[in-house]
Amino acid sequence: MTANLLADQHARLNVLSKEMCESFVVGGLEPLKAEKLTHLLHEKEYQEFLEISRGYVNSMAFLDQEQMVQLLNQTYGLLADSLNVEMKILKRKLNTMEADAKQAGTPAHDKAINHYASLERNKKHVMIISSEYRIAATLKLQPFLDDPKHDATEAYKAVLGEGKK
């Protein structure tokens, strides 16, 4: 069940990431850089893809920023979900290894523990960025463009109030 869920999430990550790539190309990204992004997708290096994409979103002026924030919000959310599923799968494997006296303490067991710790670190990093984009997705860009001294505190508090209901 969880393997199917992970495959489904990876497929959805691919779709959103390809949509992001297409937006970059339309926005004027060099073909060589677009190929590197596509290569990262084929290698399922989603976290690295998103880190590079964040850089492009912040530096490319001719992108629809609100659309890109929405895409990054959805993609980081999916990445966090897929990391959760990966961690569940690995935790089951670790529990099985620890229950078997022959496998506990082996190099394979140590490798699995280290991989789990790595996934945990990555998940924390992704969750922080996902939270940033979740907040950014709720706030509209136009008021900031119209008034350089715009304070979105009230709008953000309204969004927080809606989330508590």
C-alpha atoms as a PDB file:
ATOM      1  CA  MET A   1       0.000   0.000   0.000  1.00  0.00           C
ATOM      2  CA  THR A   2       2.645   2.512   0.997  1.00  0.00           C
ATOM      3  CA  ALA A   3       4.817   1.654  -1.997  1.00  0.00           C
ATOM      4  CA  ASN A   4       1.882   2.441  -4.294  1.00  0.00           C
ATOM      5  CA  LEU A   5       1.268   5.682  -2.423  1.00  0.00           C
ATOM      6  CA  LEU A   6       4.934   6.628  -2.791  1.00  0.00           C
ATOM      7  CA  ALA A   7       4.841   5.892  -6.525  1.00  0.00           C
ATOM      8  CA  ASP A   8       1.692   7.994  -6.876  1.00  0.00           C
ATOM      9  CA  GLN A   9       3.287  10.899  -5.025  1.00  0.00           C
ATOM     10  CA  HIS A  10       6.403  10.690  -7.174  1.00  0.00           C
ATOM     11  CA  ALA A  11       4.235  10.767 -10.297  1.00  0.00           C
ATOM     12  CA  ARG A  12       2.418  13.856  -9.025  1.00  0.00           C
ATOM     13  CA  LEU A  13       5.774  15.447  -8.137  1.00  0.00           C
ATOM     14  CA  ASN A  14       6.931  14.802 -11.702  1.00  0.00           C
ATOM     15  CA  VAL A  15       3.840  16.466 -13.184  1.00  0.00           C
ATOM     16  CA  LEU A  16       4.162  19.582 -11.024  1.00  0.00           C
ATOM     17  CA  SER A  17       7.911  19.766 -11.568  1.00  0.00           C
ATOM     18  CA  LYS A  18       7.546  19.503 -15.348  1.00  0.00           C
ATOM     19  CA  GLU A  19       4.970  22.286 -15.235  1.00  0.00           C
ATOM     20  CA  MET A  20       7.495  24.381 -13.333  1.00  0.00           C
ATOM     21  CA  CYS A  21      10.195  23.587 -15.921  1.00  0.00           C
ATOM     22  CA  GLU A  22       7.892  24.652 -18.745  1.00  0.00           C
ATOM     23  CA  SER A  23       7.241  27.949 -16.964  1.00  0.00           C
ATOM     24  CA  PHE A  24      10.976  28.503 -16.632  1.00  0.00           C
ATOM     25  CA  VAL A  25      11.546  27.878 -20.339  1.00  0.00           C
ATOM     26  CA  VAL A  26       8.710  30.256 -21.260  1.00  0.00           C
ATOM     27  CA  GLY A  27      10.242  32.791 -18.857  1.00  0.00           C
ATOM     28  CA  GLY A  28      13.555  32.646 -20.716  1.00  0.00           C
ATOM     29  CA  LEU A  29      15.615  29.943 -19.010  1.00  0.00           C
ATOM     30  CA  GLU A  30      18.545  28.742 -21.119  1.00  0.00           C
ATOM     31  CA  PRO A  31      17.961  25.308 -22.706  1.00  0.00           C
ATOM     32  CA  LEU A  32      21.086  23.842 -21.091  1.00  0.00           C
ATOM     33  CA  LYS A  33      19.834  24.744 -17.612  1.00  0.00           C
ATOM     34  CA  ALA A  34      16.393  23.348 -18.443  1.00  0.00           C
ATOM     35  CA  GLU A  35      18.053  20.078 -19.480  1.00  0.00           C
ATOM     36  CA  LYS A  36      19.834  19.912 -16.104  1.00  0.00           C
ATOM     37  CA  LEU A  37      16.492  20.310 -14.339  1.00  0.00           C
ATOM     38  CA  THR A  38      14.947  17.601 -16.512  1.00  0.00           C
ATOM     39  CA  HIS A  39      17.887  15.326 -15.731  1.00  0.00           C
ATOM     40  CA  LEU A  40      17.319  15.850 -11.990  1.00  0.00           C
ATOM     41  CA  LEU A  41      13.685  14.836 -12.458  1.00  0.00           C
ATOM     42  CA  HIS A  42      14.668  11.645 -14.281  1.00  0.00           C
ATOM     43  CA  GLU A  43      17.068  10.820 -11.439  1.00  0.00           C
ATOM     44  CA  LYS A  44      14.270  11.519  -8.893  1.00  0.00           C
ATOM     45  CA  GLU A  45      16.389  14.165  -7.179  1.00  0.00           C
ATOM     46  CA  TYR A  46      13.327  16.180  -6.228  1.00  0.00           C
ATOM     47  CA  GLN A  47      14.876  18.064  -3.346  1.00  0.00           C
ATOM     48  CA  GLU A  48      17.814  19.306  -5.428  1.00  0.00           C
ATOM     49  CA  PHE A  49      15.417  20.157  -8.270  1.00  0.00           C
ATOM     50  CA  LEU A  50      13.324  22.272  -5.910  1.00  0.00           C
ATOM     51  CA  GLU A  51      16.349  24.040  -4.436  1.00  0.00           C
ATOM     52  CA  ILE A  52      17.479  25.074  -7.918  1.00  0.00           C
ATOM     53  CA  SER A  53      13.912  25.994  -8.864  1.00  0.00           C
ATOM     54  CA  ARG A  54      13.637  28.263  -5.832  1.00  0.00           C
ATOM     55  CA  GLY A  55      16.723  30.075  -7.044  1.00  0.00           C
ATOM     56  CA  TYR A  56      15.219  30.526 -10.503  1.00  0.00           C
ATOM     57  CA  VAL A  57      11.904  31.758  -9.068  1.00  0.00           C
ATOM     58  CA  ASN A  58      13.763  34.341  -6.999  1.00  0.00           C
ATOM     59  CA  SER A  59      15.956  35.539  -9.861  1.00  0.00           C
ATOM     60  CA  MET A  60      13.822  35.359 -13.023  1.00  0.00           C
ATOM     61  CA  ALA A  61      11.813  38.541 -13.464  1.00  0.00           C
ATOM     62  CA  PHE A  62       9.449  37.368 -16.199  1.00  0.00           C
ATOM     63  CA  LEU A  63       7.767  34.568 -14.295  1.00  0.00           C
ATOM     64  CA  ASP A  64       4.256  34.684 -12.915  1.00  0.00           C
ATOM     65  CA  GLN A  65       5.340  34.820  -9.275  1.00  0.00           C
ATOM     66  CA  GLU A  66       1.969  33.878  -7.814  1.00  0.00           C
ATOM     67  CA  GLN A  67       1.745  30.819 -10.061  1.00  0.00           C
ATOM     68  CA  MET A  68       5.286  29.805  -9.131  1.00  0.00           C
ATOM     69  CA  VAL A  69       4.595  30.226  -5.408  1.00  0.00           C
ATOM     70  CA  GLN A  70       1.496  28.028  -5.790  1.00  0.00           C
ATOM     71  CA  LEU A  71       3.530  25.389  -7.662  1.00  0.00           C
ATOM     72  CA  LEU A  72       6.328  25.472  -5.082  1.00  0.00           C
ATOM     73  CA  ASN A  73       3.770  25.236  -2.277  1.00  0.00           C
ATOM     74  CA  GLN A  74       2.152  22.158  -3.829  1.00  0.00           C
ATOM     75  CA  THR A  75       5.461  20.550  -4.759  1.00  0.00           C
ATOM     76  CA  TYR A  76       7.086  21.021  -1.373  1.00  0.00           C
ATOM     77  CA  GLY A  77       3.937  19.689   0.291  1.00  0.00           C
ATOM     78  CA  LEU A  78       4.074  16.583  -1.887  1.00  0.00           C
ATOM     79  CA  LEU A  79       7.783  16.154  -1.219  1.00  0.00           C
ATOM     80  CA  ALA A  80       7.157  16.285   2.528  1.00  0.00           C
ATOM     81  CA  ASP A  81       4.389  13.697   2.157  1.00  0.00           C
ATOM     82  CA  SER A  82       6.595  11.401   0.088  1.00  0.00           C
ATOM     83  CA  LEU A  83       9.389  11.690   2.664  1.00  0.00           C
ATOM     84  CA  ASN A  84       6.860  10.660   5.337  1.00  0.00           C
ATOM     85  CA  VAL A  85       5.923   7.581   3.329  1.00  0.00           C
ATOM     86  CA  GLU A  86       9.581   6.722   2.701  1.00  0.00           C
ATOM     87  CA  MET A  87      10.261   7.016   6.411  1.00  0.00           C
ATOM     88  CA  LYS A  88       7.334   4.690   7.227  1.00  0.00           C
ATOM     89  CA  ILE A  89       8.632   2.083   4.788  1.00  0.00           C
ATOM     90  CA  LEU A  90      12.152   2.332   6.202  1.00  0.00           C
ATOM     91  CA  LYS A  91      10.899   2.235   9.805  1.00  0.00           C
ATOM     92  CA  ARG A  92       9.084  -1.042   9.083  1.00  0.00           C
ATOM     93  CA  LYS A  93      12.275  -2.422   7.582  1.00  0.00           C
ATOM     94  CA  LEU A  94      14.263  -1.291  10.639  1.00  0.00           C
ATOM     95  CA  ASN A  95      11.754  -2.863  13.023  1.00  0.00           C
ATOM     96  CA  THR A  96      11.967  -6.133  11.097  1.00  0.00           C
ATOM     97  CA  MET A  97      15.765  -6.031  11.186  1.00  0.00           C
ATOM     98  CA  GLU A  98      15.824  -5.273  14.911  1.00  0.00           C
ATOM     99  CA  ALA A  99      13.410  -8.136  15.636  1.00  0.00           C
ATOM    100  CA  ASP A 100      15.722 -10.567  13.840  1.00  0.00           C
ATOM    101  CA  ALA A 101      18.810 -11.158  15.976  1.00  0.00           C
ATOM    102  CA  LYS A 102      20.891 -12.058  12.912  1.00  0.00           C
ATOM    103  CA  GLN A 103      20.264  -8.711  11.201  1.00  0.00           C
ATOM    104  CA  ALA A 104      20.475  -6.378  14.203  1.00  0.00           C
ATOM    105  CA  GLY A 105      23.863  -4.676  14.388  1.00  0.00           C
ATOM    106  CA  THR A 106      24.926  -5.659  10.873  1.00  0.00           C
ATOM    107  CA  PRO A 107      26.351  -3.116   8.417  1.00  0.00           C
ATOM    108  CA  ALA A 108      23.040  -3.219   6.518  1.00  0.00           C
ATOM    109  CA  HIS A 109      21.186  -2.346   9.733  1.00  0.00           C
ATOM    110  CA  ASP A 110      23.594   0.539  10.426  1.00  0.00           C
ATOM    111  CA  LYS A 111      23.175   1.767   6.872  1.00  0.00           C
ATOM    112  CA  ALA A 112      19.382   1.715   7.248  1.00  0.00           C
ATOM    113  CA  ILE A 113      19.628   3.669  10.522  1.00  0.00           C
ATOM    114  CA  ASN A 114      21.851   6.271   8.874  1.00  0.00           C
ATOM    115  CA  HIS A 115      19.459   6.513   5.923  1.00  0.00           C
ATOM    116  CA  TYR A 116      16.542   7.035   8.292  1.00  0.00           C
ATOM    117  CA  ALA A 117      18.428   9.822  10.080  1.00  0.00           C
ATOM    118  CA  SER A 118      19.186  11.413   6.714  1.00  0.00           C
ATOM    119  CA  LEU A 119      15.515  11.260   5.731  1.00  0.00           C
ATOM    120  CA  GLU A 120      14.590  12.851   9.049  1.00  0.00           C
ATOM    121  CA  ARG A 121      16.997  15.763   8.440  1.00  0.00           C
ATOM    122  CA  ASN A 122      15.704  16.226   4.905  1.00  0.00           C
ATOM    123  CA  LYS A 123      12.103  16.130   6.103  1.00  0.00           C
ATOM    124  CA  LYS A 124      12.747  18.873   8.664  1.00  0.00           C
ATOM    125  CA  HIS A 125      14.352  21.056   6.010  1.00  0.00           C
ATOM    126  CA  VAL A 126      11.522  20.450   3.553  1.00  0.00           C
ATOM    127  CA  MET A 127       8.856  21.108   6.194  1.00  0.00           C
ATOM    128  CA  ILE A 128      10.340  24.533   6.969  1.00  0.00           C
ATOM    129  CA  ILE A 129      10.384  25.539   3.313  1.00  0.00           C
ATOM    130  CA  SER A 130       6.926  24.055   2.770  1.00  0.00           C
ATOM    131  CA  SER A 131       5.605  26.187   5.619  1.00  0.00           C
ATOM    132  CA  GLU A 132       7.123  29.309   4.084  1.00  0.00           C
ATOM    133  CA  TYR A 133       5.415  28.653   0.762  1.00  0.00           C
ATOM    134  CA  ARG A 134       2.136  27.710   2.445  1.00  0.00           C
ATOM    135  CA  ILE A 135       2.135  31.171   4.047  1.00  0.00           C
ATOM    136  CA  ALA A 136       3.266  32.894   0.844  1.00  0.00           C
ATOM    137  CA  ALA A 137       0.534  31.148  -1.138  1.00  0.00           C
ATOM    138  CA  THR A 138      -2.158  32.642   1.102  1.00  0.00           C
ATOM    139  CA  LEU A 139      -0.939  36.211   0.655  1.00  0.00           C
ATOM    140  CA  LYS A 140      -1.428  38.046  -2.645  1.00  0.00           C
ATOM    141  CA  LEU A 141       1.538  39.741  -4.299  1.00  0.00           C
ATOM    142  CA  GLN A 142      -0.270  42.761  -5.775  1.00  0.00           C
ATOM    143  CA  PRO A 143      -0.652  44.772  -2.526  1.00  0.00           C
ATOM    144  CA  PHE A 144       3.119  44.566  -2.042  1.00  0.00           C
ATOM    145  CA  LEU A 145       3.673  45.858  -5.579  1.00  0.00           C
ATOM    146  CA  ASP A 146       1.168  48.698  -5.164  1.00  0.00           C
ATOM    147  CA  ASP A 147       2.460  49.908  -1.801  1.00  0.00           C
ATOM    148  CA  PRO A 148       6.114  49.360  -0.812  1.00  0.00           C
ATOM    149  CA  LYS A 149       5.159  49.852   2.858  1.00  0.00           C
ATOM    150  CA  HIS A 150       2.333  47.309   2.742  1.00  0.00           C
ATOM    151  CA  ASP A 151       2.016  45.314   5.951  1.00  0.00           C
ATOM    152  CA  ALA A 152       0.418  41.909   5.470  1.00  0.00           C
ATOM    153  CA  THR A 153       0.090  41.237   9.197  1.00  0.00           C
ATOM    154  CA  GLU A 154      -3.688  41.640   9.243  1.00  0.00           C
ATOM    155  CA  ALA A 155      -4.167  39.471   6.152  1.00  0.00           C
ATOM    156  CA  TYR A 156      -1.926  36.807   7.638  1.00  0.00           C
ATOM    157  CA  LYS A 157      -3.786  36.886  10.960  1.00  0.00           C
ATOM    158  CA  ALA A 158      -7.057  36.469   9.043  1.00  0.00           C
ATOM    159  CA  VAL A 159      -5.611  33.408   7.290  1.00  0.00           C
ATOM    160  CA  LEU A 160      -4.461  31.982  10.613  1.00  0.00           C
ATOM    161  CA  GLY A 161      -7.935  32.582  12.055  1.00  0.00           C
ATOM    162  CA  GLU A 162      -9.536  30.680   9.159  1.00  0.00           C
ATOM    163  CA  GLY A 163      -7.187  27.744   9.727  1.00  0.00           C
ATOM    164  CA  LYS A 164      -8.264  27.388  13.369  1.00  0.00           C
ATOM    165  CA  LYS A 165     -11.955  26.983  12.484  1.00  0.00           C
END
